[in-house]
Every structure is written in C-alpha cells, then in structure tokens.
Amino acid sequence: MTTAFKSETQFTTTKPAWWSKLVAGTVAVRPNDDARDLRPTRRATSETRTAQEIQHMAEAGRIAAIALHAATVACVAGTSTASLDCVIAGVIAANRAEAAFVGYGKSDTREAFPASSCISVNDEVVHGIPSSRVIRDGDVVKIDCGVRYREWCADAAVTVCVGNVSPEIRAMVAHTQAMLQEAIDLVQPGVRWSTIAERLQNMAIEAKFGVVTDLMGHGIGRTLHEWPEAPNSVSRSLLERRDFTLLPGMTIAIEPMLTMNDGSVSATDRDGHLLGVATRILADNWTVVTASGLASAHFEHTIVVTNTGARVLTAVPANAISEGFN
C-alpha cells in the first residue's frame, strides 16, 4: 500500500510535507491536510531496527510473500477479486498473523479499508477494493497486501498478466519489476535516496512509460507507513526537504509504479522535474486510476538496509505453496 505526496504549494512550516496522508479528494492523489492519522509516523533518522524487530518483520514478510504467491496462482480468468482477497486472508490467518490493511485509513471523508488486500485491475493503479468483479482474459491485476506479525509489518505487491495481454503491456509490467530490482540493487549504506529515485525515473523515461509520481514507497515498521517517503522520481521537495541517507537497520517498502504512455511521460515542472501521469480517485475514495484509462503496473518489496546492501524481507520462500497452508 502506497503513500502519497503533497503538491509544492502545500508545504508550510507547521505542516511538513513528509507527513502526508495516503490519498484524498476526488480528482488527484495529492492530499488535503485533514486525517492526520494517515500520515507516516516520524522517527529520528538515527533510529534503526534491532535484530529481533527485523526478525519479526521478516516473518511478516514471509507470510506476505506466501499470500501473494497463492493469490498469483489463483489469479485466472473467471475468478473474482473478492476470491483472491479470500485466498490472501486465509494464508495470513493460517500463519497466525494479521492483515494490516483491514480497518486501515478511516477518516472523516472515507471508510476504513475493508479488505485484506488491494486488488487493482487494468487502469486501477493501487488501492482497489476487492469485490464481485470477475477477472477476464487480458486483464492486468495488481495484488498488494500488508501483514502484521507481533506488532511489526511488511508490505508487498505483484502484478499479474492474465491470459492474452498485449506484448506492449507485458513489457511495461516487466520494466516495472526491473525497476524494483534495480532499486534493491542500488541500496547501500550511505546512498542518498534521491540517487535511487533519479535512476528509477530515468529507467522509466528511457523506456517511454509513464511514471506515477504522486504515489511512492515508504518507511515501514510498527505501522504500515512511517518516515521516510521513498519516491520513484526526483522533485524539488525531495532534493530540498525529503531526501535521506540509507543507514543499516532502516526498513523501507520500495514500490515503483508505471503506466502505458499517455503522451505526457516527459512533461516537467518549472524546475525541470518530472510531473508524472495524471491520476484520479474513484467514488469509493480509495481506488486510484489513471486519468487516461491506460493500464498500469505495480511491484513492491519490503527491505532492510544491511552493511552490504539490501535484504529483501518479502521474497517468496522456496516451499511457499506448502508453507502457506500450515
């Protein structure tokens, strides 16, 4: 599950930009200043996770990976998105953990998220609510789930191409996954996040895919969304206010999102930074869709920064199928 970014005009000295709410409004994913409970929890930059805390997050990540694996196998034409959510809920319950998305994000303007997973189809980028909607041949399905184990969280997402998906869309999906791997490979102590964000942005532009700049990765720990925000592109606010240095023990959910080319993939703001593709929120106040109606892709891993690079906490274990139903 992603966090969202405020527009430059919303920065003030009393309401820092990096404690932004997930999503709000009816047109764009840039949030208003209400619902403070949705803002990532700030922690000091020197705070890192202990070995035991990382162990709990790794177990949450293992369960999330198993759940996503099971849902991926079940994601075929004729299956409803609610059925996929049941698969994920079952795996999480069988492993004696909690679905971190259930009950998340209630505010004055929307109900809490009602399901164990976000399932977003085709032009839906993220935060789709599972329903009776039937998956059809040619659909592109994003499956995102969060798990809480002994009060510690992990968050992961995959994109599944169902049946006869065009080569162009499959290329976009593969490129999104490659961006996630590139970000993971670049993680090292002492690296500034802006270095990784610039690389991800350039990868998208070079491949001529659209970048979703209003939604991004995030710190994660006792809660799903914590400091810092981890955008997939460079902006003035990142360079001047929100950039951070990776330190051993930091735990971050990295999640690139791409869309098919809507003609604006290289549009920039007055500072020469990427504007990103336009998105909007559906009437359920959760589901984020591309304004163009074009397909999108989303991948996510929770990682911990180590002395030698990134350790992925949400990798699928080799015996995922059998473990998922112990």
Protein backbone atom coordinates (compact mmCIF):
# COMPACT_ATOMS: atom_id res chain seq x y z
CA MET A 1 0.00 0.00 0.00
CA THR A 2 1.41 3.33 -1.08
CA THR A 3 1.74 6.72 0.47
CA ALA A 4 1.01 9.95 -1.39
CA PHE A 5 2.82 13.22 -1.91
CA LYS A 6 1.65 16.79 -1.40
CA SER A 7 1.95 19.46 -4.06
CA GLU A 8 4.65 22.11 -3.67
CA THR A 9 2.05 24.73 -2.71
CA GLN A 10 1.01 22.73 0.34
CA PHE A 11 4.37 22.94 2.12
CA THR A 12 4.29 25.09 5.24
CA THR A 13 6.48 25.47 8.29
CA THR A 14 3.80 23.97 10.53
CA LYS A 15 2.75 21.02 8.36
CA PRO A 16 5.85 19.27 6.96
CA ALA A 17 5.46 17.66 3.57
CA TRP A 18 6.65 14.23 4.51
CA TRP A 19 3.76 13.51 6.89
CA SER A 20 1.30 13.31 4.01
CA LYS A 21 -1.90 11.32 4.02
CA LEU A 22 -2.35 8.35 1.75
CA VAL A 23 -4.98 9.55 -0.69
CA ALA A 24 -7.84 12.02 -0.58
CA GLY A 25 -10.00 14.22 -2.74
CA THR A 26 -11.87 13.36 -5.91
CA VAL A 27 -9.54 14.34 -8.74
CA ALA A 28 -5.90 13.81 -7.82
CA VAL A 29 -3.99 11.84 -5.23
CA ARG A 30 -2.39 14.93 -3.74
CA PRO A 31 -3.93 15.02 -0.25
CA ASN A 32 -5.51 17.71 1.89
CA ASP A 33 -4.42 18.46 5.44
CA ASP A 34 -7.11 16.50 7.31
CA ALA A 35 -6.97 12.92 8.60
CA ARG A 36 -3.62 13.22 10.32
CA ASP A 37 -3.76 9.55 11.31
CA LEU A 38 -2.89 8.64 7.71
CA ARG A 39 0.42 10.48 7.74
CA PRO A 40 3.56 8.38 8.06
CA THR A 41 4.83 8.27 11.63
CA ARG A 42 8.03 10.25 12.02
CA ARG A 43 11.06 8.68 13.60
CA ALA A 44 14.53 10.06 14.15
CA THR A 45 16.95 9.48 11.30
CA SER A 46 19.31 7.69 13.68
CA GLU A 47 16.71 5.08 14.68
CA THR A 48 17.27 1.62 13.26
CA ARG A 49 15.65 -1.75 13.81
CA THR A 50 17.05 -4.28 16.25
CA ALA A 51 17.80 -7.83 15.19
CA GLN A 52 14.65 -9.08 16.91
CA GLU A 53 12.48 -6.42 15.28
CA ILE A 54 13.89 -7.31 11.88
CA GLN A 55 13.20 -10.98 12.61
CA HIS A 56 9.52 -10.16 13.29
CA MET A 57 9.33 -8.10 10.10
CA ALA A 58 10.96 -10.92 8.16
CA GLU A 59 8.28 -13.31 9.40
CA ALA A 60 5.59 -10.81 8.39
CA GLY A 61 7.33 -10.55 5.02
CA ARG A 62 7.46 -14.33 4.61
CA ILE A 63 3.72 -14.56 5.21
CA ALA A 64 3.01 -11.69 2.82
CA ALA A 65 5.10 -13.39 0.14
CA ILE A 66 3.29 -16.69 0.59
CA ALA A 67 -0.08 -14.93 0.41
CA LEU A 68 0.88 -13.12 -2.79
CA HIS A 69 2.21 -16.33 -4.30
CA ALA A 70 -1.06 -18.12 -3.56
CA ALA A 71 -3.10 -15.24 -4.97
CA THR A 72 -0.94 -15.12 -8.09
CA VAL A 73 -1.61 -18.81 -8.74
CA ALA A 74 -5.34 -18.20 -8.21
CA CYS A 75 -5.43 -15.12 -10.44
CA VAL A 76 -7.02 -16.58 -13.57
CA ALA A 77 -9.87 -15.57 -15.84
CA GLY A 78 -13.24 -16.21 -14.20
CA THR A 79 -12.07 -15.56 -10.65
CA SER A 80 -13.46 -12.59 -8.72
CA THR A 81 -11.20 -10.10 -6.99
CA ALA A 82 -13.04 -10.93 -3.73
CA SER A 83 -11.99 -14.57 -4.17
CA LEU A 84 -8.36 -13.51 -4.44
CA ASP A 85 -8.75 -11.50 -1.26
CA CYS A 86 -10.13 -14.59 0.48
CA VAL A 87 -7.03 -16.52 -0.57
CA ILE A 88 -4.80 -13.84 0.94
CA ALA A 89 -6.86 -13.58 4.13
CA GLY A 90 -6.75 -17.37 4.53
CA VAL A 91 -2.97 -17.56 4.22
CA ILE A 92 -2.47 -14.73 6.70
CA ALA A 93 -4.86 -16.29 9.22
CA ALA A 94 -3.32 -19.75 8.78
CA ASN A 95 0.05 -18.30 9.71
CA ARG A 96 -1.34 -16.64 12.86
CA ALA A 97 -0.76 -13.10 11.66
CA GLU A 98 -2.96 -10.08 10.95
CA ALA A 99 -3.96 -8.48 7.67
CA ALA A 100 -2.55 -4.98 8.13
CA PHE A 101 -4.85 -3.39 5.54
CA VAL A 102 -8.13 -4.32 7.26
CA GLY A 103 -9.54 -1.28 9.04
CA TYR A 104 -6.78 0.98 7.76
CA GLY A 105 -7.18 4.64 6.89
CA LYS A 106 -10.56 5.67 8.29
CA SER A 107 -11.11 9.43 8.15
CA ASP A 108 -13.91 11.99 8.10
CA THR A 109 -14.12 11.64 4.32
CA ARG A 110 -13.94 7.87 3.82
CA GLU A 111 -14.49 4.50 5.45
CA ALA A 112 -11.62 2.32 6.62
CA PHE A 113 -10.21 -0.09 4.06
CA PRO A 114 -12.43 -3.18 4.24
CA ALA A 115 -10.25 -5.99 2.89
CA SER A 116 -7.03 -7.92 3.46
CA SER A 117 -5.56 -6.82 0.13
CA CYS A 118 -5.75 -4.13 -2.51
CA ILE A 119 -6.62 -5.63 -5.90
CA SER A 120 -6.44 -3.17 -8.79
CA VAL A 121 -7.28 -4.10 -12.38
CA ASN A 122 -6.03 -2.53 -15.63
CA ASP A 123 -6.18 1.29 -15.26
CA GLU A 124 -6.53 0.95 -11.48
CA VAL A 125 -3.05 1.70 -10.16
CA VAL A 126 -3.42 0.94 -6.44
CA HIS A 127 -5.89 0.60 -3.56
CA GLY A 128 -8.59 -1.24 -5.47
CA ILE A 129 -11.22 -2.75 -3.15
CA PRO A 130 -11.88 -6.47 -3.75
CA SER A 131 -15.42 -7.13 -4.97
CA SER A 132 -17.54 -9.38 -7.16
CA ARG A 133 -15.67 -8.07 -10.21
CA VAL A 134 -14.64 -11.01 -12.38
CA ILE A 135 -11.12 -11.10 -13.80
CA ARG A 136 -11.12 -11.54 -17.57
CA ASP A 137 -8.64 -12.71 -20.14
CA GLY A 138 -6.28 -9.83 -20.96
CA ASP A 139 -6.56 -8.12 -17.55
CA VAL A 140 -3.56 -6.73 -15.70
CA VAL A 141 -4.09 -7.35 -11.99
CA LYS A 142 -2.14 -5.64 -9.21
CA ILE A 143 -2.25 -7.51 -5.88
CA ASP A 144 -0.96 -5.70 -2.78
CA CYS A 145 -1.03 -6.99 0.79
CA GLY A 146 0.32 -6.00 4.18
CA VAL A 147 0.91 -8.32 7.13
CA ARG A 148 1.39 -7.57 10.81
CA TYR A 149 3.24 -10.13 12.93
CA ARG A 150 3.91 -9.48 16.62
CA GLU A 151 3.21 -5.79 16.02
CA TRP A 152 5.66 -5.48 13.09
CA CYS A 153 4.63 -5.00 9.47
CA ALA A 154 5.67 -5.97 5.95
CA ASP A 155 4.15 -4.79 2.66
CA ALA A 156 4.49 -6.28 -0.83
CA ALA A 157 2.81 -6.22 -4.23
CA VAL A 158 2.90 -8.02 -7.58
CA THR A 159 1.34 -7.51 -11.00
CA VAL A 160 -0.18 -10.48 -12.81
CA CYS A 161 -0.86 -10.59 -16.56
CA VAL A 162 -3.91 -12.78 -17.14
CA GLY A 163 -4.01 -14.63 -20.43
CA ASN A 164 -3.84 -12.68 -23.67
CA VAL A 165 -2.16 -9.45 -22.58
CA SER A 166 -0.51 -7.39 -25.34
CA PRO A 167 3.29 -7.50 -25.71
CA GLU A 168 3.45 -3.74 -25.07
CA ILE A 169 1.67 -4.02 -21.72
CA ARG A 170 3.71 -7.08 -20.77
CA ALA A 171 6.85 -5.03 -21.48
CA MET A 172 5.58 -2.28 -19.17
CA VAL A 173 4.91 -4.80 -16.41
CA ALA A 174 8.35 -6.38 -16.83
CA HIS A 175 10.00 -2.96 -16.78
CA THR A 176 8.26 -2.06 -13.51
CA GLN A 177 9.57 -5.25 -11.95
CA ALA A 178 13.05 -4.49 -13.30
CA MET A 179 12.88 -1.05 -11.70
CA LEU A 180 12.13 -2.62 -8.33
CA GLN A 181 15.12 -4.92 -8.68
CA GLU A 182 17.33 -2.02 -9.76
CA ALA A 183 16.33 -0.03 -6.68
CA ILE A 184 17.07 -3.01 -4.44
CA ASP A 185 20.47 -3.47 -6.09
CA LEU A 186 21.34 0.19 -5.52
CA VAL A 187 20.60 0.11 -1.78
CA GLN A 188 23.80 0.59 0.20
CA PRO A 189 24.57 2.37 3.48
CA GLY A 190 25.45 6.00 2.76
CA VAL A 191 23.48 6.22 -0.50
CA ARG A 192 21.03 9.11 -0.75
CA TRP A 193 17.51 8.11 -1.74
CA SER A 194 17.50 10.80 -4.46
CA THR A 195 20.20 8.80 -6.27
CA ILE A 196 17.89 5.79 -6.46
CA ALA A 197 14.87 7.92 -7.37
CA GLU A 198 16.77 9.51 -10.25
CA ARG A 199 17.79 6.11 -11.59
CA LEU A 200 14.20 4.83 -11.45
CA GLN A 201 12.91 7.95 -13.18
CA ASN A 202 15.48 7.66 -15.95
CA MET A 203 14.66 3.99 -16.49
CA ALA A 204 11.00 4.85 -16.99
CA ILE A 205 11.68 7.78 -19.32
CA GLU A 206 14.16 5.82 -21.43
CA ALA A 207 11.57 3.08 -21.91
CA LYS A 208 8.85 5.67 -22.67
CA PHE A 209 6.49 4.60 -19.90
CA GLY A 210 4.55 6.91 -17.61
CA VAL A 211 5.67 7.42 -14.00
CA VAL A 212 3.16 7.77 -11.17
CA THR A 213 4.90 10.49 -9.16
CA ASP A 214 2.15 11.17 -6.60
CA LEU A 215 2.39 7.69 -5.09
CA MET A 216 5.54 6.24 -3.62
CA GLY A 217 7.26 3.86 -1.26
CA HIS A 218 7.68 4.49 2.44
CA GLY A 219 9.29 3.57 5.68
CA ILE A 220 7.65 0.67 7.47
CA GLY A 221 7.84 -0.85 10.94
CA ARG A 222 5.27 -0.93 13.71
CA THR A 223 2.90 0.82 11.32
CA LEU A 224 2.49 0.39 7.57
CA HIS A 225 3.55 3.92 6.71
CA GLU A 226 6.41 5.62 8.50
CA TRP A 227 9.12 8.13 7.69
CA PRO A 228 10.77 8.36 5.21
CA GLU A 229 8.88 8.61 1.94
CA ALA A 230 10.66 6.84 -0.93
CA PRO A 231 9.55 8.38 -4.25
CA ASN A 232 10.31 6.88 -7.66
CA SER A 233 11.23 10.22 -9.24
CA VAL A 234 13.14 13.40 -8.40
CA SER A 235 11.42 16.62 -7.33
CA ARG A 236 12.42 19.89 -5.77
CA SER A 237 10.81 18.87 -2.50
CA LEU A 238 12.79 15.61 -2.43
CA LEU A 239 16.09 17.37 -3.04
CA GLU A 240 15.44 20.22 -0.60
CA ARG A 241 13.29 18.70 2.15
CA ARG A 242 12.66 14.98 1.98
CA ASP A 243 15.88 13.31 0.89
CA PHE A 244 17.58 10.93 3.31
CA THR A 245 20.65 8.75 3.64
CA LEU A 246 20.27 4.99 3.85
CA LEU A 247 21.55 3.55 7.14
CA PRO A 248 21.95 -0.06 8.27
CA GLY A 249 18.77 -1.19 10.02
CA MET A 250 16.39 1.07 8.08
CA THR A 251 13.31 -0.74 6.78
CA ILE A 252 11.65 0.56 3.62
CA ALA A 253 8.87 -0.55 1.28
CA ILE A 254 10.08 0.16 -2.27
CA GLU A 255 7.30 0.25 -4.86
CA PRO A 256 7.67 1.59 -8.41
CA MET A 257 4.51 2.18 -10.47
CA LEU A 258 4.36 2.67 -14.23
CA THR A 259 1.63 3.25 -16.79
CA MET A 260 1.42 2.97 -20.53
CA ASN A 261 2.42 6.13 -22.40
CA ASP A 262 -0.35 8.75 -22.27
CA GLY A 263 1.66 11.33 -24.23
CA SER A 264 2.90 13.21 -21.18
CA VAL A 265 5.62 10.90 -19.90
CA SER A 266 8.37 13.54 -20.28
CA ALA A 267 6.40 16.60 -19.09
CA THR A 268 8.32 18.59 -16.46
CA ASP A 269 7.60 21.33 -13.94
CA ARG A 270 9.29 24.76 -13.78
CA ASP A 271 12.34 23.18 -12.11
CA GLY A 272 12.71 20.61 -14.86
CA HIS A 273 11.46 17.75 -12.70
CA LEU A 274 9.07 15.10 -13.94
CA LEU A 275 5.37 15.89 -13.42
CA GLY A 276 4.19 12.33 -13.86
CA VAL A 277 0.98 10.93 -15.28
CA ALA A 278 -2.39 12.23 -14.11
CA THR A 279 -4.45 10.07 -11.77
CA ARG A 280 -7.80 10.36 -10.04
CA ILE A 281 -9.68 8.71 -7.17
CA LEU A 282 -12.89 6.76 -7.72
CA ALA A 283 -16.09 7.31 -5.75
CA ASP A 284 -15.06 4.69 -3.17
CA ASN A 285 -12.41 7.21 -2.02
CA TRP A 286 -9.72 4.55 -2.27
CA THR A 287 -9.11 3.30 -5.80
CA VAL A 288 -6.51 5.31 -7.73
CA VAL A 289 -6.88 5.10 -11.53
CA THR A 290 -5.00 6.60 -14.45
CA ALA A 291 -6.82 9.63 -15.85
CA SER A 292 -6.05 8.33 -19.34
CA GLY A 293 -7.66 4.95 -18.71
CA LEU A 294 -4.42 3.21 -19.72
CA ALA A 295 -3.04 0.13 -17.99
CA SER A 296 -0.62 0.33 -15.08
CA ALA A 297 1.76 -1.91 -13.14
CA HIS A 298 2.95 -2.03 -9.53
CA PHE A 299 5.56 -4.11 -7.71
CA GLU A 300 6.70 -3.81 -4.10
CA HIS A 301 9.13 -5.36 -1.65
CA THR A 302 9.90 -4.55 1.96
CA ILE A 303 13.66 -4.42 2.51
CA VAL A 304 16.07 -3.80 5.36
CA VAL A 305 19.31 -1.95 4.75
CA THR A 306 22.31 -4.04 5.84
CA ASN A 307 26.01 -3.28 5.96
CA THR A 308 26.41 -4.79 2.50
CA GLY A 309 23.19 -3.81 0.72
CA ALA A 310 19.51 -4.70 0.85
CA ARG A 311 17.95 -7.79 2.36
CA VAL A 312 14.50 -8.45 0.87
CA LEU A 313 12.07 -9.38 3.65
CA THR A 314 9.18 -10.24 1.32
CA ALA A 315 10.87 -12.73 -1.01
CA VAL A 316 8.86 -15.86 -1.81
CA PRO A 317 10.29 -18.86 0.09
CA ALA A 318 11.15 -21.94 -1.95
CA ASN A 319 8.39 -24.00 -0.30
CA ALA A 320 5.81 -21.22 -0.46
CA ILE A 321 2.85 -23.35 -1.53
CA SER A 322 3.13 -25.90 1.26
CA GLU A 323 4.01 -23.29 3.91
CA GLY A 324 1.03 -21.14 3.03
CA PHE A 325 -1.45 -23.64 4.40
CA ASN A 326 0.28 -25.00 7.51
